[in-house]
N, C-alpha and C. Protein backbone atom coordinates (compact mmCIF):
# COMPACT_ATOMS: atom_id res chain seq x y z
N MET A 1 10.61 -7.21 -0.16
CA MET A 1 10.88 -6.17 0.11
C MET A 1 11.29 -5.28 -1.12
N ALA A 2 10.81 -4.23 -1.48
CA ALA A 2 11.02 -3.64 -2.45
C ALA A 2 12.32 -2.79 -2.52
N THR A 3 12.92 -2.81 -3.87
CA THR A 3 14.42 -2.16 -3.86
C THR A 3 14.37 -0.81 -3.74
N LEU A 4 15.47 -0.37 -3.32
CA LEU A 4 15.46 1.20 -3.12
C LEU A 4 15.21 1.89 -4.46
N GLU A 5 15.62 1.16 -5.54
CA GLU A 5 15.30 2.00 -6.87
C GLU A 5 13.86 1.99 -7.04
N THR A 6 13.01 0.86 -6.72
CA THR A 6 11.58 0.83 -6.94
C THR A 6 10.94 1.90 -6.14
N GLN A 7 11.44 2.28 -5.09
CA GLN A 7 10.80 3.21 -4.10
C GLN A 7 11.05 4.43 -4.58
N LEU A 8 12.39 4.67 -5.06
CA LEU A 8 12.69 6.05 -5.62
C LEU A 8 11.96 6.22 -7.14
N ASP A 9 11.24 5.15 -7.54
CA ASP A 9 10.54 5.42 -8.89
C ASP A 9 9.10 5.87 -8.45
N GLY A 10 8.91 5.79 -7.11
CA GLY A 10 7.59 6.49 -6.76
C GLY A 10 6.56 5.31 -6.32
N TYR A 11 7.04 4.19 -6.06
CA TYR A 11 6.33 3.20 -5.28
C TYR A 11 6.11 3.47 -3.90
N ARG A 12 5.00 3.11 -3.26
CA ARG A 12 4.68 3.42 -1.95
C ARG A 12 4.32 2.03 -1.26
N LEU A 13 4.63 1.69 -0.09
CA LEU A 13 3.79 0.86 0.57
C LEU A 13 2.44 0.98 0.75
N THR A 14 1.57 0.13 0.27
CA THR A 14 0.04 0.37 0.13
C THR A 14 -0.76 -0.69 0.90
N THR A 15 -1.47 -0.30 1.65
CA THR A 15 -2.23 -1.38 2.42
C THR A 15 -3.81 -1.07 2.21
N ALA A 16 -4.45 -2.20 1.89
CA ALA A 16 -5.90 -1.96 1.69
C ALA A 16 -6.64 -2.92 2.60
N GLU A 17 -7.60 -2.38 3.10
CA GLU A 17 -8.64 -3.11 4.15
C GLU A 17 -9.75 -3.34 3.08
N ILE A 18 -9.90 -4.70 3.00
CA ILE A 18 -10.95 -5.03 1.96
C ILE A 18 -12.21 -5.72 2.70
N ILE A 19 -13.28 -5.10 2.71
CA ILE A 19 -14.54 -5.76 3.25
C ILE A 19 -15.36 -6.36 2.43
N TYR A 20 -15.74 -7.73 2.61
CA TYR A 20 -16.60 -8.35 1.59
C TYR A 20 -17.46 -9.09 2.36
N ARG A 21 -18.51 -9.51 1.82
CA ARG A 21 -19.73 -10.43 2.26
C ARG A 21 -19.42 -11.73 2.19
N LEU A 22 -19.57 -12.65 3.03
CA LEU A 22 -19.57 -13.93 2.92
C LEU A 22 -20.68 -14.65 1.92
N PRO A 23 -20.17 -15.43 0.89
CA PRO A 23 -20.97 -15.79 0.04
C PRO A 23 -22.49 -16.60 0.63
N ASP A 24 -22.21 -17.55 1.64
CA ASP A 24 -23.30 -18.26 2.00
C ASP A 24 -24.04 -17.39 3.16
N TRP A 25 -23.60 -16.26 3.81
CA TRP A 25 -24.29 -15.43 4.66
C TRP A 25 -23.91 -13.97 4.28
N PRO A 26 -24.74 -13.44 3.15
CA PRO A 26 -24.33 -12.21 2.65
C PRO A 26 -24.59 -10.92 3.67
N LYS A 27 -25.32 -11.26 4.90
CA LYS A 27 -25.31 -10.19 5.80
C LYS A 27 -24.00 -10.12 6.79
N LEU A 28 -23.13 -11.15 6.82
CA LEU A 28 -21.88 -11.19 7.52
C LEU A 28 -20.80 -10.56 6.46
N LEU A 29 -20.03 -9.66 7.43
CA LEU A 29 -18.62 -9.04 6.64
C LEU A 29 -17.55 -9.55 7.07
N GLN A 30 -16.52 -9.78 6.10
CA GLN A 30 -15.17 -10.44 6.72
C GLN A 30 -14.28 -9.22 6.11
N THR A 31 -13.01 -9.54 6.59
CA THR A 31 -12.03 -8.29 6.38
C THR A 31 -10.87 -9.15 5.92
N TYR A 32 -10.21 -8.54 4.70
CA TYR A 32 -8.95 -9.08 4.21
C TYR A 32 -7.98 -7.87 4.14
N LEU A 33 -6.64 -8.01 4.43
CA LEU A 33 -5.70 -7.07 4.40
C LEU A 33 -4.76 -7.40 3.21
N TRP A 34 -4.73 -6.50 2.32
CA TRP A 34 -3.79 -6.55 1.18
C TRP A 34 -2.65 -5.60 1.31
N GLN A 35 -1.33 -6.07 0.90
CA GLN A 35 -0.44 -5.19 1.10
C GLN A 35 0.70 -5.49 0.09
N GLU A 36 1.01 -4.33 -0.69
CA GLU A 36 2.17 -4.52 -1.72
C GLU A 36 2.68 -3.16 -2.14
N TYR A 37 3.78 -2.96 -2.91
CA TYR A 37 4.28 -1.52 -3.35
C TYR A 37 3.45 -1.25 -4.61
N ASP A 38 2.86 -0.11 -4.54
CA ASP A 38 2.23 0.25 -5.42
C ASP A 38 2.35 1.96 -5.90
N LEU A 39 1.85 2.25 -6.95
CA LEU A 39 1.88 3.63 -7.34
C LEU A 39 0.34 4.45 -7.18
N ALA A 40 0.71 5.28 -6.25
CA ALA A 40 -0.47 6.44 -6.00
C ALA A 40 -0.58 7.43 -6.84
N PRO A 41 -1.55 7.82 -7.33
CA PRO A 41 -2.84 7.85 -6.55
C PRO A 41 -3.68 6.67 -7.28
N ARG A 42 -3.40 6.11 -8.41
CA ARG A 42 -4.23 5.19 -9.35
C ARG A 42 -4.04 3.67 -8.75
N PHE A 43 -3.00 3.50 -8.05
CA PHE A 43 -2.87 2.20 -7.88
C PHE A 43 -3.09 0.96 -8.58
N PRO A 44 -2.38 0.90 -9.53
CA PRO A 44 -2.70 -0.27 -10.64
C PRO A 44 -2.54 -1.57 -10.13
N ARG A 45 -1.68 -1.86 -9.16
CA ARG A 45 -1.60 -3.40 -8.47
C ARG A 45 -2.72 -3.80 -7.79
N LEU A 46 -3.42 -2.76 -7.04
CA LEU A 46 -4.59 -2.70 -6.38
C LEU A 46 -5.86 -3.06 -7.18
N GLN A 47 -5.90 -2.07 -8.13
CA GLN A 47 -6.87 -2.31 -9.24
C GLN A 47 -7.08 -3.58 -9.76
N ASP A 48 -5.76 -4.22 -10.08
CA ASP A 48 -5.54 -5.51 -10.90
C ASP A 48 -6.33 -6.62 -9.73
N PHE A 49 -5.70 -6.45 -8.76
CA PHE A 49 -6.12 -7.27 -7.57
C PHE A 49 -7.52 -7.53 -7.64
N LEU A 50 -8.31 -6.19 -7.24
CA LEU A 50 -9.64 -6.05 -7.03
C LEU A 50 -10.31 -6.80 -8.38
N ALA A 51 -9.86 -6.34 -9.41
CA ALA A 51 -10.53 -6.89 -10.79
C ALA A 51 -10.43 -8.51 -10.62
N PHE A 52 -9.47 -9.11 -10.19
CA PHE A 52 -9.30 -10.28 -10.15
C PHE A 52 -10.13 -10.86 -8.85
N TRP A 53 -10.44 -10.34 -7.93
CA TRP A 53 -11.29 -10.54 -6.80
C TRP A 53 -12.68 -10.74 -7.34
N GLU A 54 -13.11 -9.59 -8.08
CA GLU A 54 -14.51 -9.66 -8.64
C GLU A 54 -14.59 -10.68 -9.68
N GLN A 55 -13.79 -11.17 -10.50
CA GLN A 55 -14.09 -12.01 -11.75
C GLN A 55 -13.88 -13.76 -11.15
N ASN A 56 -13.04 -13.85 -9.89
CA ASN A 56 -12.82 -15.39 -9.56
C ASN A 56 -13.24 -15.70 -8.22
N LEU A 57 -13.55 -14.65 -7.35
CA LEU A 57 -13.94 -14.97 -6.12
C LEU A 57 -15.39 -14.82 -5.62
N ASP A 58 -16.02 -15.49 -4.79
CA ASP A 58 -17.65 -15.37 -4.64
C ASP A 58 -18.01 -14.51 -3.66
N GLY A 59 -17.11 -14.03 -2.68
CA GLY A 59 -17.53 -13.06 -1.84
C GLY A 59 -17.42 -11.75 -2.55
N PRO A 60 -18.78 -11.10 -2.57
CA PRO A 60 -18.79 -9.68 -3.26
C PRO A 60 -18.15 -8.48 -2.55
N LEU A 61 -17.43 -7.65 -2.99
CA LEU A 61 -16.94 -6.57 -2.21
C LEU A 61 -17.99 -5.59 -1.62
N HIS A 62 -17.75 -5.24 -0.50
CA HIS A 62 -18.35 -4.25 0.30
C HIS A 62 -17.79 -2.90 -0.09
N SER A 63 -16.51 -2.94 0.62
CA SER A 63 -15.97 -1.51 0.53
C SER A 63 -14.27 -1.92 0.56
N VAL A 64 -13.73 -0.66 0.15
CA VAL A 64 -12.08 -0.93 0.42
C VAL A 64 -11.62 0.53 0.90
N ARG A 65 -10.64 0.46 1.97
CA ARG A 65 -10.05 1.52 2.42
C ARG A 65 -8.49 1.41 2.17
N VAL A 66 -8.01 2.27 1.80
CA VAL A 66 -6.60 2.31 1.08
C VAL A 66 -5.61 3.27 2.03
N ALA A 67 -4.45 2.98 2.38
CA ALA A 67 -3.65 3.85 3.06
C ALA A 67 -2.35 3.51 2.48
N SER A 68 -1.35 4.48 2.13
CA SER A 68 -0.08 4.44 1.47
C SER A 68 0.83 5.45 1.84
N ALA A 69 1.97 4.88 2.06
CA ALA A 69 3.04 5.55 2.77
C ALA A 69 4.53 5.49 1.70
N ARG A 70 5.17 6.62 1.71
CA ARG A 70 6.56 6.54 1.29
C ARG A 70 7.26 5.92 2.17
N LEU A 71 8.42 5.05 1.92
CA LEU A 71 9.25 4.51 2.92
C LEU A 71 10.62 5.42 2.92
N VAL A 72 11.00 5.96 1.48
CA VAL A 72 11.86 6.74 1.07
C VAL A 72 11.51 8.07 0.79
N THR A 73 11.89 9.21 1.80
CA THR A 73 11.50 10.36 1.77
C THR A 73 12.59 11.43 1.47
N PRO A 74 12.41 12.58 1.05
CA PRO A 74 13.49 13.54 0.93
C PRO A 74 13.82 14.00 2.56
N SER A 75 15.14 13.95 2.71
CA SER A 75 15.39 14.40 4.19
C SER A 75 16.27 15.83 4.09
N ARG A 76 16.20 16.41 5.22
CA ARG A 76 17.00 17.59 5.17
C ARG A 76 18.30 17.32 5.73
N TYR A 77 19.29 17.86 4.95
CA TYR A 77 20.66 17.80 5.43
C TYR A 77 21.12 18.54 6.14
N ARG A 78 22.04 18.33 7.32
CA ARG A 78 22.66 19.17 8.05
C ARG A 78 24.29 19.35 7.82
N HIS A 79 24.66 20.40 7.78
CA HIS A 79 26.06 20.52 7.43
C HIS A 79 26.90 20.86 8.77
N PHE A 80 27.82 20.08 8.87
CA PHE A 80 28.48 20.10 10.49
C PHE A 80 29.87 20.61 9.97
N ASP A 81 30.34 21.43 10.90
CA ASP A 81 31.87 21.65 10.74
C ASP A 81 32.53 20.65 11.48
N ILE A 82 33.13 19.69 10.84
CA ILE A 82 33.93 18.84 11.56
C ILE A 82 34.83 18.98 12.68
N ASP A 83 35.62 19.98 12.43
CA ASP A 83 36.59 20.54 13.16
C ASP A 83 35.85 20.83 14.53
N LYS A 84 34.90 21.70 14.58
CA LYS A 84 34.04 22.03 15.91
C LYS A 84 33.63 20.88 16.51
N ILE A 85 33.30 19.48 15.80
CA ILE A 85 32.66 18.46 16.56
C ILE A 85 33.79 17.79 17.34
N ILE A 86 35.14 17.61 16.58
CA ILE A 86 36.22 16.84 17.17
C ILE A 86 36.93 17.42 18.14
N HIS A 87 37.02 18.81 17.99
CA HIS A 87 37.69 19.42 19.21
C HIS A 87 36.58 19.84 20.18
């Protein structure tokens, strides 16, 4: 789990659906889900993972879909008069 500091630095929970071809049956597609905290919009960790995939794994990539969401977002603060709430 990412620390609060990491999230405040702009890292977002990033999920990639990686579709690849099976090496022995290239007409068949397989899905792999990858999830990590990464920096949008360039996604350097995902880029590194995909480069590793292409260099070291036999299943050629077909497509990649990426979703990214901030877990820590700015919130709107409400100010309450505590005396009115208590009484």
